[in-house]
Amino acid sequence: MKNSNSALHFASANGHTEIVKLLFEHKCDPNVVNENRNSALHFASANGHIQIVKLMLEHKCNPDIIDENSYSALHFSSDKGHTEIVKLLLNYKFNLNIVNKNINSALCIAACKGHTEIVKLLLEHKCDQNTVNEEGNSALYNASDNGHTEIVKLLLNHNFNLNIVNRNGNSALYIASCKGHTEIVKLLLEHKSKGHTEIVKLLLEHKCNPDIVDKNSNSALYFAACKGHTEIVKLLLEHNCNLNFVNENNNLALHIASAKGHTKIVKLLLEHSSNPDIVNGDNNSALYFASANGHTEIVKLLLEHTA
């Protein structure tokens, strides 16, 4: 028979549940594989036939069987987005972290394809979230590359290692910035307390737009000023970012730095001619924010530069 597929393979691939039942009643081997080492469970999982997957597992089919490319049933169902089948497979004891020929785990594949619910299920079952493929790409890198914001959120909430870089030395932040996925860039920056100074430097050297903004019109300078990332502020200013750019509430980087008490950043912004007299949508200036929050040194700086 072509590809040495058995009757069980054909019935499972085509969703013929009653035939699969009959075959099992006649003691059909659930773990038989074809010449490509595909089991009937692989076919049923790839094609979304949940009742057949259930039957296979009830009849002791081994979910750890891998084909010649090291794909398991979990790989196939994660790739195709068959959430209920993934859920079913996870009820059985097997290796969640099996990787295929390209060293992709089910999590890496689901993150790449944008299957949010499957990613959530795999994380809930404690899969290894920091596995990387042969190119060194992690699940976070794949999700960031393809603009899957909700998956990035999920991975970050599970304490994903943000310092992982691939074989080319590129991080999730780098690829998200290159692809223009602003919301993902924002998320990644918010989860890195010290700021990605070297990556920001690299992005700017590769002509990345320093004035790119998110949906709320917040710029990279605004975020860096808010978080107190002095070196990143310095880099952005050196690359001629617009320091008087305002967000949707008409707040400047100078406003947020003054409110947060980041004295060095306020000093840098003033030295680069940020206008301390500009007020936001509520008619509040940087001096107002510094005074309201008790930042004496910043008040002194602002008074020295106020017209």
Protein backbone atom coordinates (compact mmCIF):
# COMPACT_ATOMS: atom_id res chain seq x y z
CA MET A 1 0.00 0.00 0.00
CA LYS A 2 1.32 3.46 -0.88
CA ASN A 3 3.26 4.98 2.03
CA SER A 4 2.42 1.76 3.89
CA ASN A 5 -0.69 3.36 5.40
CA SER A 6 -2.96 0.93 7.21
CA ALA A 7 -6.75 0.90 7.24
CA LEU A 8 -6.52 2.67 10.59
CA HIS A 9 -4.41 5.43 9.04
CA PHE A 10 -6.94 6.04 6.25
CA ALA A 11 -9.97 5.94 8.54
CA SER A 12 -8.32 8.28 11.05
CA ALA A 13 -7.14 10.75 8.41
CA ASN A 14 -10.59 10.99 6.86
CA GLY A 15 -12.60 11.21 10.07
CA HIS A 16 -14.40 7.83 9.81
CA THR A 17 -15.06 7.36 13.52
CA GLU A 18 -17.29 4.27 13.23
CA ILE A 19 -14.71 2.48 11.11
CA VAL A 20 -12.01 3.28 13.66
CA LYS A 21 -14.26 1.78 16.35
CA LEU A 22 -14.74 -1.37 14.26
CA LEU A 23 -11.01 -1.73 13.70
CA PHE A 24 -10.34 -1.49 17.42
CA GLU A 25 -13.02 -4.09 18.12
CA HIS A 26 -10.98 -6.38 15.88
CA LYS A 27 -7.78 -5.74 17.86
CA CYS A 28 -6.16 -3.31 15.46
CA ASP A 29 -2.78 -2.06 16.70
CA PRO A 30 -3.21 1.66 17.64
CA ASN A 31 0.55 2.29 17.40
CA VAL A 32 1.14 1.06 13.85
CA VAL A 33 3.20 3.54 11.80
CA ASN A 34 3.72 4.02 8.08
CA GLU A 35 7.04 4.30 6.26
CA ASN A 36 7.30 7.95 7.36
CA ARG A 37 6.72 6.84 10.94
CA ASN A 38 3.34 8.57 11.08
CA SER A 39 0.78 7.00 13.37
CA ALA A 40 -2.98 7.18 12.90
CA LEU A 41 -3.01 9.54 15.90
CA HIS A 42 -0.81 11.94 13.91
CA PHE A 43 -3.33 12.01 11.06
CA ALA A 44 -6.33 12.46 13.33
CA SER A 45 -4.59 15.21 15.31
CA ALA A 46 -3.50 17.09 12.18
CA ASN A 47 -6.96 16.91 10.62
CA GLY A 48 -8.91 17.88 13.73
CA HIS A 49 -10.82 14.63 14.27
CA ILE A 50 -11.27 14.89 18.03
CA GLN A 51 -13.47 11.81 18.52
CA ILE A 52 -10.92 9.63 16.77
CA VAL A 53 -8.10 11.14 18.85
CA LYS A 54 -10.13 10.28 21.94
CA LEU A 55 -10.63 6.70 20.75
CA MET A 56 -6.94 6.33 19.96
CA LEU A 57 -5.91 7.48 23.41
CA GLU A 58 -8.50 5.26 25.11
CA HIS A 59 -6.97 2.32 23.23
CA LYS A 60 -3.49 3.08 24.57
CA CYS A 61 -2.06 4.81 21.53
CA ASN A 62 1.32 6.26 22.45
CA PRO A 63 1.16 10.10 22.16
CA ASP A 64 4.98 10.25 22.24
CA ILE A 65 5.38 8.58 18.84
CA ILE A 66 7.25 10.89 16.45
CA ASP A 67 7.49 10.74 12.69
CA GLU A 68 10.63 10.98 10.56
CA ASN A 69 10.70 14.74 11.12
CA SER A 70 10.25 14.25 14.87
CA TYR A 71 6.69 15.62 14.81
CA SER A 72 4.39 14.30 17.55
CA ALA A 73 0.60 14.46 17.73
CA LEU A 74 1.03 17.55 19.90
CA HIS A 75 3.12 19.22 17.19
CA PHE A 76 0.50 18.51 14.52
CA SER A 77 -2.45 19.74 16.57
CA SER A 78 -0.56 22.83 17.81
CA ASP A 79 0.48 23.68 14.27
CA LYS A 80 -3.06 23.42 12.91
CA GLY A 81 -4.69 25.21 15.84
CA HIS A 82 -6.83 22.30 17.05
CA THR A 83 -7.27 23.54 20.63
CA GLU A 84 -9.63 20.81 21.83
CA ILE A 85 -7.27 18.09 20.62
CA VAL A 86 -4.35 19.73 22.40
CA LYS A 87 -6.49 19.88 25.53
CA LEU A 88 -7.29 16.19 25.15
CA LEU A 89 -3.66 15.20 24.63
CA LEU A 90 -2.60 17.15 27.69
CA ASN A 91 -4.83 14.94 29.85
CA TYR A 92 -2.41 12.09 29.16
CA LYS A 93 1.12 11.70 30.45
CA PHE A 94 3.65 12.35 27.72
CA ASN A 95 6.60 14.59 26.92
CA LEU A 96 5.36 18.17 26.43
CA ASN A 97 8.80 19.33 25.38
CA ILE A 98 9.46 17.00 22.44
CA VAL A 99 11.13 18.98 19.66
CA ASN A 100 10.93 18.27 15.96
CA LYS A 101 13.73 18.00 13.40
CA ASN A 102 14.20 21.78 13.48
CA ILE A 103 14.16 21.72 17.29
CA ASN A 104 10.76 23.42 17.41
CA SER A 105 8.61 22.57 20.41
CA ALA A 106 4.81 22.65 20.29
CA LEU A 107 4.97 25.97 22.16
CA CYS A 108 7.30 27.52 19.56
CA ILE A 109 5.00 26.37 16.76
CA ALA A 110 1.80 27.61 18.42
CA ALA A 111 3.41 30.96 19.25
CA CYS A 112 4.56 31.35 15.65
CA LYS A 113 1.13 30.52 14.22
CA GLY A 114 -0.75 32.76 16.65
CA HIS A 115 -2.75 30.05 18.42
CA THR A 116 -3.26 31.90 21.70
CA GLU A 117 -5.44 29.34 23.50
CA ILE A 118 -2.98 26.56 22.73
CA VAL A 119 -0.09 28.62 24.07
CA LYS A 120 -2.11 29.23 27.22
CA LEU A 121 -2.79 25.50 27.64
CA LEU A 122 0.86 24.55 27.17
CA LEU A 123 2.01 27.15 29.68
CA GLU A 124 -0.61 25.99 32.20
CA HIS A 125 0.84 22.48 31.88
CA LYS A 126 4.35 23.75 32.67
CA CYS A 127 6.00 23.23 29.30
CA ASP A 128 9.57 24.51 28.92
CA GLN A 129 8.92 28.03 27.68
CA ASN A 130 12.58 28.88 27.03
CA THR A 131 13.22 26.14 24.45
CA VAL A 132 14.78 27.50 21.25
CA ASN A 133 14.86 26.04 17.74
CA GLU A 134 17.90 25.39 15.54
CA GLU A 135 18.09 29.10 14.67
CA GLY A 136 17.96 30.01 18.34
CA ASN A 137 14.44 31.44 18.07
CA SER A 138 12.25 31.13 21.16
CA ALA A 139 8.46 31.15 21.44
CA LEU A 140 8.69 34.81 22.47
CA TYR A 141 10.80 35.63 19.43
CA ASN A 142 8.33 33.86 17.12
CA ALA A 143 5.33 35.65 18.62
CA SER A 144 7.13 39.02 18.48
CA ASP A 145 8.21 38.42 14.90
CA ASN A 146 4.67 37.67 13.74
CA GLY A 147 2.90 40.38 15.74
CA HIS A 148 0.97 38.11 18.11
CA THR A 149 0.51 40.59 20.96
CA GLU A 150 -1.70 38.43 23.20
CA ILE A 151 0.79 35.56 23.07
CA VAL A 152 3.63 37.91 23.97
CA LYS A 153 1.57 39.03 26.99
CA LEU A 154 1.03 35.41 28.05
CA LEU A 155 4.70 34.53 27.79
CA LEU A 156 5.79 37.63 29.71
CA ASN A 157 3.28 36.85 32.47
CA HIS A 158 4.99 33.46 32.86
CA ASN A 159 8.38 35.09 33.53
CA PHE A 160 9.87 34.35 30.13
CA ASN A 161 13.61 35.00 29.86
CA LEU A 162 13.86 38.29 27.96
CA ASN A 163 17.62 37.97 27.56
CA ILE A 164 17.47 35.05 25.10
CA VAL A 165 18.91 35.97 21.71
CA ASN A 166 19.05 33.83 18.57
CA ARG A 167 22.11 32.72 16.60
CA ASN A 168 22.28 36.11 14.92
CA GLY A 169 22.28 37.85 18.29
CA ASN A 170 18.74 39.18 17.81
CA SER A 171 16.21 39.39 20.63
CA ALA A 172 12.41 39.50 20.64
CA LEU A 173 12.61 43.28 21.13
CA TYR A 174 14.88 43.63 18.11
CA ILE A 175 12.57 41.73 15.74
CA ALA A 176 9.42 43.42 17.06
CA SER A 177 11.02 46.82 16.50
CA CYS A 178 12.19 45.89 13.00
CA LYS A 179 8.71 44.67 12.07
CA GLY A 180 7.03 47.76 13.51
CA HIS A 181 4.99 45.91 16.14
CA THR A 182 4.69 48.90 18.46
CA GLU A 183 2.46 47.34 21.12
CA ILE A 184 4.83 44.39 21.47
CA VAL A 185 7.83 46.71 21.74
CA LYS A 186 6.01 48.55 24.51
CA LEU A 187 5.27 45.29 26.37
CA LEU A 188 8.85 44.08 26.11
CA LEU A 189 10.29 47.36 27.33
CA GLU A 190 7.88 47.44 30.28
CA HIS A 191 9.06 43.98 31.37
CA LYS A 192 12.76 44.85 31.32
CA SER A 193 13.51 46.93 34.39
CA LYS A 194 16.98 48.05 33.33
CA GLY A 195 16.11 48.93 29.77
CA HIS A 196 17.57 47.36 26.63
CA THR A 197 20.30 49.95 26.12
CA GLU A 198 22.45 47.89 23.74
CA ILE A 199 19.47 46.82 21.68
CA VAL A 200 18.16 50.38 21.44
CA LYS A 201 21.64 51.42 20.30
CA LEU A 202 21.63 48.69 17.65
CA LEU A 203 18.16 49.67 16.43
CA LEU A 204 19.13 53.31 16.12
CA GLU A 205 22.30 52.39 14.25
CA HIS A 206 20.10 50.51 11.77
CA LYS A 207 18.04 53.65 11.11
CA CYS A 208 15.05 52.68 13.23
CA ASN A 209 12.69 55.67 13.56
CA PRO A 210 13.33 57.14 17.06
CA ASP A 211 9.96 58.92 16.96
CA ILE A 212 7.77 55.84 16.42
CA VAL A 213 4.72 56.00 18.72
CA ASP A 214 2.14 53.54 20.03
CA LYS A 215 -1.65 53.85 19.74
CA ASN A 216 -1.65 56.36 22.61
CA SER A 217 1.00 58.48 20.87
CA ASN A 218 3.64 57.54 23.45
CA SER A 219 7.15 57.67 21.99
CA ALA A 220 10.23 55.64 22.92
CA LEU A 221 11.59 58.76 24.63
CA TYR A 222 8.44 59.03 26.74
CA PHE A 223 8.71 55.41 27.90
CA ALA A 224 12.42 55.70 28.66
CA ALA A 225 11.83 58.92 30.59
CA CYS A 226 8.98 57.31 32.52
CA LYS A 227 11.03 54.25 33.50
CA GLY A 228 14.16 56.21 34.38
CA HIS A 229 16.34 54.68 31.65
CA THR A 230 18.87 57.51 31.47
CA GLU A 231 21.24 55.88 28.98
CA ILE A 232 18.41 55.15 26.57
CA VAL A 233 17.17 58.74 26.84
CA LYS A 234 20.71 59.88 26.06
CA LEU A 235 20.87 57.61 23.00
CA LEU A 236 17.53 58.81 21.68
CA LEU A 237 18.52 62.44 22.11
CA GLU A 238 21.83 61.80 20.33
CA HIS A 239 19.78 60.48 17.40
CA ASN A 240 17.72 63.66 17.23
CA CYS A 241 14.40 62.32 18.49
CA ASN A 242 11.63 64.87 18.89
CA LEU A 243 11.90 65.74 22.59
CA ASN A 244 8.81 68.00 22.48
CA PHE A 245 6.56 65.28 21.07
CA VAL A 246 3.37 64.95 23.14
CA ASN A 247 1.12 61.92 23.67
CA GLU A 248 -2.69 61.83 23.50
CA ASN A 249 -2.87 63.63 26.88
CA ASN A 250 -0.39 66.26 25.66
CA ASN A 251 2.23 65.02 28.11
CA LEU A 252 5.92 65.44 27.26
CA ALA A 253 8.83 63.23 28.23
CA LEU A 254 9.81 66.18 30.45
CA HIS A 255 6.44 66.03 32.21
CA ILE A 256 6.68 62.34 33.09
CA ALA A 257 10.36 62.54 34.10
CA SER A 258 9.52 65.49 36.39
CA ALA A 259 6.57 63.65 37.90
CA LYS A 260 8.61 60.46 38.51
CA GLY A 261 11.59 62.27 39.99
CA HIS A 262 14.18 61.27 37.39
CA THR A 263 16.51 64.21 37.94
CA LYS A 264 19.27 63.15 35.50
CA ILE A 265 16.74 62.70 32.72
CA VAL A 266 15.14 66.07 33.39
CA LYS A 267 18.60 67.64 33.23
CA LEU A 268 19.34 65.89 29.92
CA LEU A 269 16.04 67.01 28.39
CA LEU A 270 16.56 70.60 29.46
CA GLU A 271 20.11 70.58 28.12
CA HIS A 272 18.65 69.52 24.77
CA SER A 273 16.18 72.42 24.86
CA SER A 274 13.00 70.68 25.94
CA ASN A 275 10.56 73.49 26.63
CA PRO A 276 9.62 73.61 30.35
CA ASP A 277 6.78 76.04 29.66
CA ILE A 278 4.72 73.57 27.60
CA VAL A 279 1.58 72.44 29.46
CA ASN A 280 -0.44 69.26 29.02
CA GLY A 281 -4.15 68.81 28.37
CA ASP A 282 -4.95 69.72 31.98
CA ASN A 283 -2.82 72.88 31.72
CA ASN A 284 -0.12 71.39 33.96
CA SER A 285 3.59 72.03 33.34
CA ALA A 286 6.68 70.06 34.29
CA LEU A 287 7.13 72.45 37.20
CA TYR A 288 3.66 71.56 38.44
CA PHE A 289 4.43 67.82 38.37
CA ALA A 290 7.78 68.21 40.13
CA SER A 291 6.29 70.48 42.79
CA ALA A 292 3.26 68.26 43.38
CA ASN A 293 5.50 65.24 43.91
CA GLY A 294 8.08 66.95 46.10
CA HIS A 295 11.07 66.68 43.75
CA THR A 296 13.08 69.67 44.98
CA GLU A 297 16.14 69.26 42.75
CA ILE A 298 13.95 69.04 39.66
CA VAL A 299 12.01 72.15 40.72
CA LYS A 300 15.35 74.02 40.95
CA LEU A 301 16.38 72.83 37.48
CA LEU A 302 13.08 73.81 35.93
CA LEU A 303 13.08 77.26 37.54
CA GLU A 304 16.53 77.86 36.13
CA HIS A 305 15.23 77.09 32.63
CA THR A 306 11.80 78.68 32.82
CA ALA A 307 11.28 81.81 30.75
